[in-house]
C-alpha atoms as a PDB file:
ATOM      1  CA  MET A   1      -2.560   9.629  20.067  1.00  0.00           C
ATOM      2  CA  SER A   2      -4.741   9.048  16.990  1.00  0.00           C
ATOM      3  CA  ILE A   3      -3.823   8.559  13.360  1.00  0.00           C
ATOM      4  CA  ASP A   4      -4.371  11.546  11.013  1.00  0.00           C
ATOM      5  CA  ASN A   5      -5.983  10.226   7.762  1.00  0.00           C
ATOM      6  CA  GLU A   6      -7.028  13.678   6.823  1.00  0.00           C
ATOM      7  CA  ILE A   7      -3.466  14.118   5.441  1.00  0.00           C
ATOM      8  CA  TYR A   8      -4.388  12.188   2.285  1.00  0.00           C
ATOM      9  CA  SER A   9      -7.132  14.682   1.461  1.00  0.00           C
ATOM     10  CA  GLN A  10      -5.031  17.825   2.485  1.00  0.00           C
ATOM     11  CA  GLN A  11      -2.047  16.633   0.540  1.00  0.00           C
ATOM     12  CA  ALA A  12      -3.930  14.905  -2.407  1.00  0.00           C
ATOM     13  CA  SER A  13      -2.151  17.043  -5.002  1.00  0.00           C
ATOM     14  CA  GLY A  14       1.149  15.401  -4.053  1.00  0.00           C
ATOM     15  CA  TRP A  15       0.511  11.825  -5.230  1.00  0.00           C
ATOM     16  CA  TRP A  16       1.943  12.511  -8.771  1.00  0.00           C
ATOM     17  CA  ASP A  17       4.244  15.298  -7.678  1.00  0.00           C
ATOM     18  CA  GLU A  18       7.923  14.219  -7.752  1.00  0.00           C
ATOM     19  CA  ASN A  19       8.774  16.695  -4.956  1.00  0.00           C
ATOM     20  CA  HIS A  20       6.088  15.446  -2.607  1.00  0.00           C
ATOM     21  CA  PHE A  21       6.523  12.828   0.131  1.00  0.00           C
ATOM     22  CA  LEU A  22       3.428  10.897  -1.150  1.00  0.00           C
ATOM     23  CA  HIS A  23       5.341  10.276  -4.338  1.00  0.00           C
ATOM     24  CA  LEU A  24       7.945   8.276  -2.474  1.00  0.00           C
ATOM     25  CA  LEU A  25       5.399   5.298  -2.497  1.00  0.00           C
ATOM     26  CA  LYS A  26       5.427   5.644  -6.409  1.00  0.00           C
ATOM     27  CA  THR A  27       9.285   5.308  -6.909  1.00  0.00           C
ATOM     28  CA  GLY A  28      10.297   3.659  -3.789  1.00  0.00           C
ATOM     29  CA  ILE A  29       7.721   1.161  -2.709  1.00  0.00           C
ATOM     30  CA  ASN A  30       5.770   0.343  -5.871  1.00  0.00           C
ATOM     31  CA  PRO A  31       8.314  -1.208  -8.079  1.00  0.00           C
ATOM     32  CA  PRO A  32       9.200  -4.118  -5.693  1.00  0.00           C
ATOM     33  CA  ARG A  33       5.757  -4.686  -4.261  1.00  0.00           C
ATOM     34  CA  PHE A  34       4.098  -4.631  -7.702  1.00  0.00           C
ATOM     35  CA  GLY A  35       6.634  -6.974  -9.169  1.00  0.00           C
ATOM     36  CA  TYR A  36       6.084  -9.259  -6.234  1.00  0.00           C
ATOM     37  CA  PHE A  37       2.192  -9.241  -6.640  1.00  0.00           C
ATOM     38  CA  ARG A  38       2.511  -9.633 -10.595  1.00  0.00           C
ATOM     39  CA  ASP A  39       4.757 -12.535 -10.303  1.00  0.00           C
ATOM     40  CA  ALA A  40       2.543 -14.323  -7.701  1.00  0.00           C
ATOM     41  CA  LEU A  41      -0.502 -13.622 -10.034  1.00  0.00           C
ATOM     42  CA  THR A  42       0.894 -14.675 -13.266  1.00  0.00           C
ATOM     43  CA  CYS A  43       3.667 -17.227 -12.329  1.00  0.00           C
ATOM     44  CA  GLN A  44       2.480 -18.933  -9.088  1.00  0.00           C
ATOM     45  CA  LEU A  45      -1.201 -18.780  -9.670  1.00  0.00           C
ATOM     46  CA  GLY A  46      -0.925 -18.893 -13.411  1.00  0.00           C
ATOM     47  CA  LEU A  47      -3.639 -16.301 -14.083  1.00  0.00           C
ATOM     48  CA  GLN A  48      -4.085 -14.067 -17.340  1.00  0.00           C
ATOM     49  CA  PRO A  49      -4.226 -10.387 -16.184  1.00  0.00           C
ATOM     50  CA  GLN A  50      -6.597  -9.466 -19.066  1.00  0.00           C
ATOM     51  CA  ALA A  51      -9.240 -11.776 -17.538  1.00  0.00           C
ATOM     52  CA  LEU A  52      -9.192 -10.282 -14.136  1.00  0.00           C
ATOM     53  CA  SER A  53     -11.241  -7.866 -12.187  1.00  0.00           C
ATOM     54  CA  VAL A  54      -9.154  -6.116  -9.580  1.00  0.00           C
ATOM     55  CA  LEU A  55     -10.401  -3.876  -6.664  1.00  0.00           C
ATOM     56  CA  ASP A  56      -7.790  -1.568  -4.868  1.00  0.00           C
ATOM     57  CA  VAL A  57      -9.142  -0.862  -1.463  1.00  0.00           C
ATOM     58  CA  GLY A  58      -7.670   2.594  -0.206  1.00  0.00           C
ATOM     59  CA  CYS A  59      -6.212   3.451  -3.653  1.00  0.00           C
ATOM     60  CA  GLY A  60      -5.261   6.970  -2.773  1.00  0.00           C
ATOM     61  CA  GLY A  61      -4.125   8.766  -5.933  1.00  0.00           C
ATOM     62  CA  GLY A  62      -4.176   5.548  -7.934  1.00  0.00           C
ATOM     63  CA  ILE A  63      -0.519   4.731  -7.932  1.00  0.00           C
ATOM     64  CA  LEU A  64      -1.038   1.098  -7.565  1.00  0.00           C
ATOM     65  CA  SER A  65      -4.301   0.898  -9.491  1.00  0.00           C
ATOM     66  CA  GLU A  66      -2.620   2.218 -12.653  1.00  0.00           C
ATOM     67  CA  GLU A  67      -0.020  -0.559 -12.495  1.00  0.00           C
ATOM     68  CA  PHE A  68      -2.600  -3.234 -12.552  1.00  0.00           C
ATOM     69  CA  ALA A  69      -4.544  -1.396 -15.240  1.00  0.00           C
ATOM     70  CA  LYS A  70      -1.368  -1.314 -17.447  1.00  0.00           C
ATOM     71  CA  LEU A  71      -1.062  -4.945 -16.868  1.00  0.00           C
ATOM     72  CA  GLY A  72      -4.498  -5.356 -18.633  1.00  0.00           C
ATOM     73  CA  CYS A  73      -6.728  -5.963 -15.435  1.00  0.00           C
ATOM     74  CA  ARG A  74     -10.234  -4.394 -15.132  1.00  0.00           C
ATOM     75  CA  VAL A  75      -9.414  -2.125 -12.274  1.00  0.00           C
ATOM     76  CA  THR A  76     -11.821  -0.388  -9.581  1.00  0.00           C
ATOM     77  CA  GLY A  77     -10.344   1.714  -6.763  1.00  0.00           C
ATOM     78  CA  ILE A  78     -11.995   2.872  -3.599  1.00  0.00           C
ATOM     79  CA  ASP A  79     -10.847   5.421  -1.069  1.00  0.00           C
ATOM     80  CA  PRO A  80     -12.579   7.570   1.643  1.00  0.00           C
ATOM     81  CA  SER A  81     -10.585  10.680   0.438  1.00  0.00           C
ATOM     82  CA  ALA A  82     -12.540  12.651  -2.244  1.00  0.00           C
ATOM     83  CA  PRO A  83      -9.602  14.880  -3.165  1.00  0.00           C
ATOM     84  CA  SER A  84      -7.352  11.768  -3.644  1.00  0.00           C
ATOM     85  CA  LEU A  85      -9.880  10.255  -5.861  1.00  0.00           C
ATOM     86  CA  ASP A  86      -9.899  13.369  -7.967  1.00  0.00           C
ATOM     87  CA  ALA A  87      -6.223  13.263  -8.360  1.00  0.00           C
ATOM     88  CA  ALA A  88      -6.526   9.553  -9.339  1.00  0.00           C
ATOM     89  CA  ARG A  89      -9.259  10.253 -11.993  1.00  0.00           C
ATOM     90  CA  GLN A  90      -7.191  13.187 -13.580  1.00  0.00           C
ATOM     91  CA  HIS A  91      -4.014  11.099 -13.767  1.00  0.00           C
ATOM     92  CA  ALA A  92      -5.716   8.121 -15.209  1.00  0.00           C
ATOM     93  CA  ALA A  93      -7.404  10.240 -17.809  1.00  0.00           C
ATOM     94  CA  ARG A  94      -3.932  11.785 -18.788  1.00  0.00           C
ATOM     95  CA  GLU A  95      -2.619   8.295 -19.123  1.00  0.00           C
ATOM     96  CA  ASN A  96      -5.656   7.100 -21.137  1.00  0.00           C
ATOM     97  CA  LEU A  97      -6.309   4.385 -18.588  1.00  0.00           C
ATOM     98  CA  THR A  98      -9.853   3.218 -17.847  1.00  0.00           C
ATOM     99  CA  ILE A  99     -10.205   2.820 -14.024  1.00  0.00           C
ATOM    100  CA  GLU A 100     -13.519   3.221 -11.983  1.00  0.00           C
ATOM    101  CA  TYR A 101     -12.960   5.223  -8.808  1.00  0.00           C
ATOM    102  CA  ARG A 102     -15.639   5.386  -6.033  1.00  0.00           C
ATOM    103  CA  GLN A 103     -15.488   6.917  -2.661  1.00  0.00           C
ATOM    104  CA  ALA A 104     -15.824   4.273   0.052  1.00  0.00           C
ATOM    105  CA  SER A 105     -13.996   2.804   2.993  1.00  0.00           C
ATOM    106  CA  GLY A 106     -12.523  -0.529   3.601  1.00  0.00           C
ATOM    107  CA  GLU A 107     -15.013  -1.263   6.452  1.00  0.00           C
ATOM    108  CA  ASN A 108     -17.959  -0.741   3.899  1.00  0.00           C
ATOM    109  CA  ILE A 109     -17.045  -1.990   0.498  1.00  0.00           C
ATOM    110  CA  PRO A 110     -20.105  -1.098  -1.859  1.00  0.00           C
ATOM    111  CA  PHE A 111     -19.978  -4.228  -3.992  1.00  0.00           C
ATOM    112  CA  ASP A 112     -21.796  -7.546  -3.948  1.00  0.00           C
ATOM    113  CA  ALA A 113     -20.263 -10.760  -2.490  1.00  0.00           C
ATOM    114  CA  ASP A 114     -17.932 -12.638  -4.936  1.00  0.00           C
ATOM    115  CA  SER A 115     -17.357  -9.594  -7.257  1.00  0.00           C
ATOM    116  CA  PHE A 116     -13.670  -9.479  -7.847  1.00  0.00           C
ATOM    117  CA  ASP A 117     -10.764 -11.821  -8.763  1.00  0.00           C
ATOM    118  CA  VAL A 118      -8.157  -9.757  -6.924  1.00  0.00           C
ATOM    119  CA  VAL A 119      -8.398  -7.409  -4.192  1.00  0.00           C
ATOM    120  CA  ILE A 120      -5.341  -5.129  -3.288  1.00  0.00           C
ATOM    121  CA  CYS A 121      -4.945  -3.493   0.108  1.00  0.00           C
ATOM    122  CA  CYS A 122      -1.721  -1.663   0.445  1.00  0.00           C
ATOM    123  CA  ASP A 123      -0.581   1.255   2.795  1.00  0.00           C
ATOM    124  CA  VAL A 124      -4.005   0.854   4.282  1.00  0.00           C
ATOM    125  CA  LEU A 125      -4.403  -1.807   6.929  1.00  0.00           C
ATOM    126  CA  GLU A 126      -2.539   0.261   9.554  1.00  0.00           C
ATOM    127  CA  HIS A 127      -4.814   3.189   8.865  1.00  0.00           C
ATOM    128  CA  VAL A 128      -8.405   1.704   9.080  1.00  0.00           C
ATOM    129  CA  ASP A 129     -10.695   2.092  12.000  1.00  0.00           C
ATOM    130  CA  ASP A 130     -11.677  -1.637  12.126  1.00  0.00           C
ATOM    131  CA  LEU A 131      -9.100  -3.998  10.859  1.00  0.00           C
ATOM    132  CA  GLU A 132     -11.054  -7.131  11.274  1.00  0.00           C
ATOM    133  CA  LYS A 133     -14.095  -5.801   9.664  1.00  0.00           C
ATOM    134  CA  THR A 134     -11.909  -4.497   6.732  1.00  0.00           C
ATOM    135  CA  ILE A 135     -10.415  -7.947   6.179  1.00  0.00           C
ATOM    136  CA  HIS A 136     -13.995  -9.598   6.450  1.00  0.00           C
ATOM    137  CA  GLU A 137     -15.173  -7.109   3.743  1.00  0.00           C
ATOM    138  CA  VAL A 138     -12.164  -8.044   1.443  1.00  0.00           C
ATOM    139  CA  ALA A 139     -13.097 -11.651   1.991  1.00  0.00           C
ATOM    140  CA  ARG A 140     -16.684 -10.994   1.139  1.00  0.00           C
ATOM    141  CA  VAL A 141     -16.216  -9.239  -2.186  1.00  0.00           C
ATOM    142  CA  LEU A 142     -13.571 -11.647  -3.255  1.00  0.00           C
ATOM    143  CA  LYS A 143     -14.558 -14.669  -5.610  1.00  0.00           C
ATOM    144  CA  PRO A 144     -13.753 -18.098  -4.090  1.00  0.00           C
ATOM    145  CA  ASP A 145     -10.048 -18.796  -4.818  1.00  0.00           C
ATOM    146  CA  GLY A 146      -9.601 -15.112  -5.400  1.00  0.00           C
ATOM    147  CA  MET A 147      -6.400 -13.480  -4.436  1.00  0.00           C
ATOM    148  CA  PHE A 148      -5.817 -10.882  -1.698  1.00  0.00           C
ATOM    149  CA  CYS A 149      -2.571  -8.753  -2.085  1.00  0.00           C
ATOM    150  CA  TYR A 150      -1.473  -6.743   1.010  1.00  0.00           C
ATOM    151  CA  ASP A 151       1.196  -4.924   2.725  1.00  0.00           C
ATOM    152  CA  THR A 152       1.475  -3.291   6.193  1.00  0.00           C
ATOM    153  CA  ILE A 153       3.918  -2.450   9.095  1.00  0.00           C
ATOM    154  CA  ASN A 154       4.989  -4.777  11.809  1.00  0.00           C
ATOM    155  CA  ARG A 155       4.795  -3.392  15.338  1.00  0.00           C
ATOM    156  CA  THR A 156       8.374  -3.829  16.477  1.00  0.00           C
ATOM    157  CA  ALA A 157      11.170  -1.487  17.896  1.00  0.00           C
ATOM    158  CA  GLU A 158      12.628  -1.477  14.481  1.00  0.00           C
ATOM    159  CA  SER A 159       9.443  -0.088  12.920  1.00  0.00           C
ATOM    160  CA  ARG A 160       9.213   2.424  15.738  1.00  0.00           C
ATOM    161  CA  LYS A 161      12.665   3.648  14.844  1.00  0.00           C
ATOM    162  CA  ALA A 162      12.166   3.710  11.088  1.00  0.00           C
ATOM    163  CA  ASN A 163       8.713   4.691  10.586  1.00  0.00           C
ATOM    164  CA  ILE A 164       7.827   6.948  13.634  1.00  0.00           C
ATOM    165  CA  PHE A 165      11.369   8.354  14.881  1.00  0.00           C
ATOM    166  CA  ALA A 166      13.177   8.630  11.573  1.00  0.00           C
ATOM    167  CA  ALA A 167      10.195   9.365   9.301  1.00  0.00           C
ATOM    168  CA  GLN A 168       8.076  11.462  11.515  1.00  0.00           C
ATOM    169  CA  ASN A 169       9.847  13.000  14.635  1.00  0.00           C
ATOM    170  CA  PHE A 170      13.601  13.520  14.010  1.00  0.00           C
ATOM    171  CA  PRO A 171      14.174  16.828  12.557  1.00  0.00           C
ATOM    172  CA  LEU A 172      17.014  15.988  10.250  1.00  0.00           C
ATOM    173  CA  THR A 173      15.365  12.988   8.647  1.00  0.00           C
ATOM    174  CA  SER A 174      11.574  13.350   8.950  1.00  0.00           C
ATOM    175  CA  PHE A 175       9.461  13.783   5.885  1.00  0.00           C
ATOM    176  CA  PHE A 176       5.901  12.624   7.008  1.00  0.00           C
ATOM    177  CA  PRO A 177       3.619  15.020   8.890  1.00  0.00           C
ATOM    178  CA  PRO A 178       3.000  14.127  12.495  1.00  0.00           C
ATOM    179  CA  ASN A 179       0.471  11.254  13.028  1.00  0.00           C
ATOM    180  CA  THR A 180       0.775   9.941   9.456  1.00  0.00           C
ATOM    181  CA  HIS A 181       1.445   6.746  11.188  1.00  0.00           C
ATOM    182  CA  VAL A 182       0.802   5.672  14.806  1.00  0.00           C
ATOM    183  CA  TRP A 183       2.971   2.775  16.195  1.00  0.00           C
ATOM    184  CA  GLU A 184       0.078   1.189  18.138  1.00  0.00           C
ATOM    185  CA  LYS A 185      -1.799   0.685  14.940  1.00  0.00           C
ATOM    186  CA  PHE A 186       0.957  -1.396  13.258  1.00  0.00           C
ATOM    187  CA  ILE A 187      -0.003  -5.138  12.837  1.00  0.00           C
ATOM    188  CA  THR A 188       2.256  -8.018  13.703  1.00  0.00           C
ATOM    189  CA  PRO A 189       2.214 -11.004  11.234  1.00  0.00           C
ATOM    190  CA  GLU A 190       0.804 -13.154  13.959  1.00  0.00           C
ATOM    191  CA  GLU A 191      -2.168 -10.810  14.313  1.00  0.00           C
ATOM    192  CA  ILE A 192      -2.920 -10.660  10.776  1.00  0.00           C
ATOM    193  CA  LEU A 193      -2.748 -14.474  10.125  1.00  0.00           C
ATOM    194  CA  VAL A 194      -5.345 -14.796  13.021  1.00  0.00           C
ATOM    195  CA  LEU A 195      -7.736 -12.417  11.323  1.00  0.00           C
ATOM    196  CA  PHE A 196      -7.091 -14.168   7.884  1.00  0.00           C
ATOM    197  CA  GLU A 197      -8.059 -17.598   9.429  1.00  0.00           C
ATOM    198  CA  LYS A 198     -11.344 -16.049  10.712  1.00  0.00           C
ATOM    199  CA  ALA A 199     -12.103 -14.383   7.361  1.00  0.00           C
ATOM    200  CA  GLY A 200     -11.515 -17.581   5.539  1.00  0.00           C
ATOM    201  CA  PHE A 201      -8.287 -16.900   3.925  1.00  0.00           C
ATOM    202  CA  ASP A 202      -5.436 -19.162   3.215  1.00  0.00           C
ATOM    203  CA  ASN A 203      -2.137 -17.160   3.401  1.00  0.00           C
ATOM    204  CA  ARG A 204       0.362 -18.363   0.687  1.00  0.00           C
ATOM    205  CA  ASP A 205       3.244 -16.148   1.259  1.00  0.00           C
ATOM    206  CA  MET A 206       4.550 -13.228   3.435  1.00  0.00           C
ATOM    207  CA  THR A 207       7.883 -11.605   3.114  1.00  0.00           C
ATOM    208  CA  GLY A 208       9.714  -8.413   4.155  1.00  0.00           C
ATOM    209  CA  LEU A 209       9.780  -5.160   2.097  1.00  0.00           C
ATOM    210  CA  ASN A 210      12.984  -3.145   3.147  1.00  0.00           C
ATOM    211  CA  SER A 211      15.667  -0.937   1.831  1.00  0.00           C
ATOM    212  CA  ALA A 212      18.678  -2.767   0.550  1.00  0.00           C
ATOM    213  CA  LEU A 213      21.029  -0.085   2.119  1.00  0.00           C
ATOM    214  CA  PRO A 214      22.464  -0.019   5.624  1.00  0.00           C
ATOM    215  CA  ASP A 215      20.793   2.273   8.269  1.00  0.00           C
ATOM    216  CA  LEU A 216      23.503   5.034   7.960  1.00  0.00           C
ATOM    217  CA  GLN A 217      23.259   5.242   4.185  1.00  0.00           C
ATOM    218  CA  VAL A 218      19.526   5.612   4.524  1.00  0.00           C
ATOM    219  CA  ALA A 219      19.855   8.291   7.082  1.00  0.00           C
ATOM    220  CA  GLY A 220      22.278  10.074   4.684  1.00  0.00           C
ATOM    221  CA  LEU A 221      19.742  10.080   1.936  1.00  0.00           C
ATOM    222  CA  LEU A 222      17.096  11.314   4.184  1.00  0.00           C
ATOM    223  CA  ILE A 223      19.299  14.212   5.244  1.00  0.00           C
ATOM    224  CA  ARG A 224      20.136  15.137   1.732  1.00  0.00           C
ATOM    225  CA  ARG A 225      16.492  15.247   0.875  1.00  0.00           C
ATOM    226  CA  LYS A 226      15.892  17.430   3.933  1.00  0.00           C
ATOM    227  CA  PHE A 227      18.385  19.987   2.463  1.00  0.00           C
ATOM    228  CA  GLY A 228      16.776  19.813  -0.880  1.00  0.00           C
ATOM    229  CA  LEU A 229      19.474  17.986  -2.621  1.00  0.00           C
ATOM    230  CA  LEU A 230      17.145  15.140  -3.719  1.00  0.00           C
ATOM    231  CA  THR A 231      13.508  14.994  -4.898  1.00  0.00           C
ATOM    232  CA  PHE A 232      11.253  12.466  -3.240  1.00  0.00           C
ATOM    233  CA  ALA A 233      11.135  10.657  -6.443  1.00  0.00           C
ATOM    234  CA  GLU A 234      14.912  10.451  -6.572  1.00  0.00           C
ATOM    235  CA  LEU A 235      14.962   9.401  -2.879  1.00  0.00           C
ATOM    236  CA  GLY A 236      12.590   6.592  -3.678  1.00  0.00           C
ATOM    237  CA  ARG A 237      14.871   5.237  -6.400  1.00  0.00           C
ATOM    238  CA  GLN A 238      17.998   5.583  -4.325  1.00  0.00           C
ATOM    239  CA  LEU A 239      16.582   3.755  -1.246  1.00  0.00           C
ATOM    240  CA  LYS A 240      16.488   0.640  -3.215  1.00  0.00           C
ATOM    241  CA  PHE A 241      13.584  -1.161  -1.664  1.00  0.00           C
ATOM    242  CA  GLN A 242      13.292  -4.914  -2.176  1.00  0.00           C
ATOM    243  CA  THR A 243      11.194  -7.858  -1.133  1.00  0.00           C
ATOM    244  CA  GLY A 244      12.692 -10.504   0.870  1.00  0.00           C
ATOM    245  CA  GLY A 245      14.458 -10.798   4.248  1.00  0.00           C
ATOM    246  CA  GLY A 246      12.894 -10.297   7.702  1.00  0.00           C
ATOM    247  CA  LEU A 247       9.546  -9.052   8.698  1.00  0.00           C
ATOM    248  CA  GLN A 248      10.801  -6.743  11.413  1.00  0.00           C
ATOM    249  CA  ALA A 249       9.476  -3.480   9.670  1.00  0.00           C
ATOM    250  CA  SER A 250       7.377  -3.460   6.469  1.00  0.00           C
ATOM    251  CA  TYR A 251       6.108  -6.657   5.026  1.00  0.00           C
ATOM    252  CA  LEU A 252       3.691  -7.914   2.325  1.00  0.00           C
ATOM    253  CA  GLY A 253       2.042 -11.141   1.146  1.00  0.00           C
ATOM    254  CA  TRP A 254      -0.715 -12.674  -0.629  1.00  0.00           C
ATOM    255  CA  ALA A 255      -3.664 -14.977   0.491  1.00  0.00           C
ATOM    256  CA  VAL A 256      -6.323 -16.966  -1.315  1.00  0.00           C
ATOM    257  CA  LYS A 257      -9.960 -17.029  -0.407  1.00  0.00           C
ATOM    258  CA  LYS A 258     -10.797 -20.661   0.616  1.00  0.00           C
END
């Protein structure tokens, strides 16, 4: 079974559509993860956003790029999907945000070494063809002491239940198209830390990214969405994602280039 990354081109109009599954990332996942990265950047590292160049690897429709741009960073986004980049450019223009978008993959980042203060890679690592090469490319374009912000999905029974069975396969709760995710491509924290060490990263923090609700309540919300009683935007808000807790499903963290 292979992952279907063409979904992001075929469904590119959905990034900013409140009734589309891609918008779930905007209202559900973005608020806690961006808050986590912003606090690490400004409070723990003591950096001024206005002075920072940021690269968003796998930027999709720009939902995370725009958050960093609003913070005052100089943002560049790359993605293999031309239709997603078109959606990102159009929305940034409507919001009067200056963001440079270029078509490229994480395995071949088209910038010189030591180019960026911060690299973001979210909703991406479990999709790339060559994970080790992607992480080495991130390290290459980061400046020394630069910050790498990431999230991904752990390869566990819990993530199989949530991200494959409930989100893709079970008729009453599914919302992702088949093969949006493939469980075998999920990444354990132990695996990612080995790759970080090879690439010259010092991992500073890693934490869970999970709904605050019990499983039955999550299932109830997914069923309500299936019957058209909730938009994806409202579903994202009601799922109440938060950082902290265990790493059994989704997790995020940040590292510094040695």
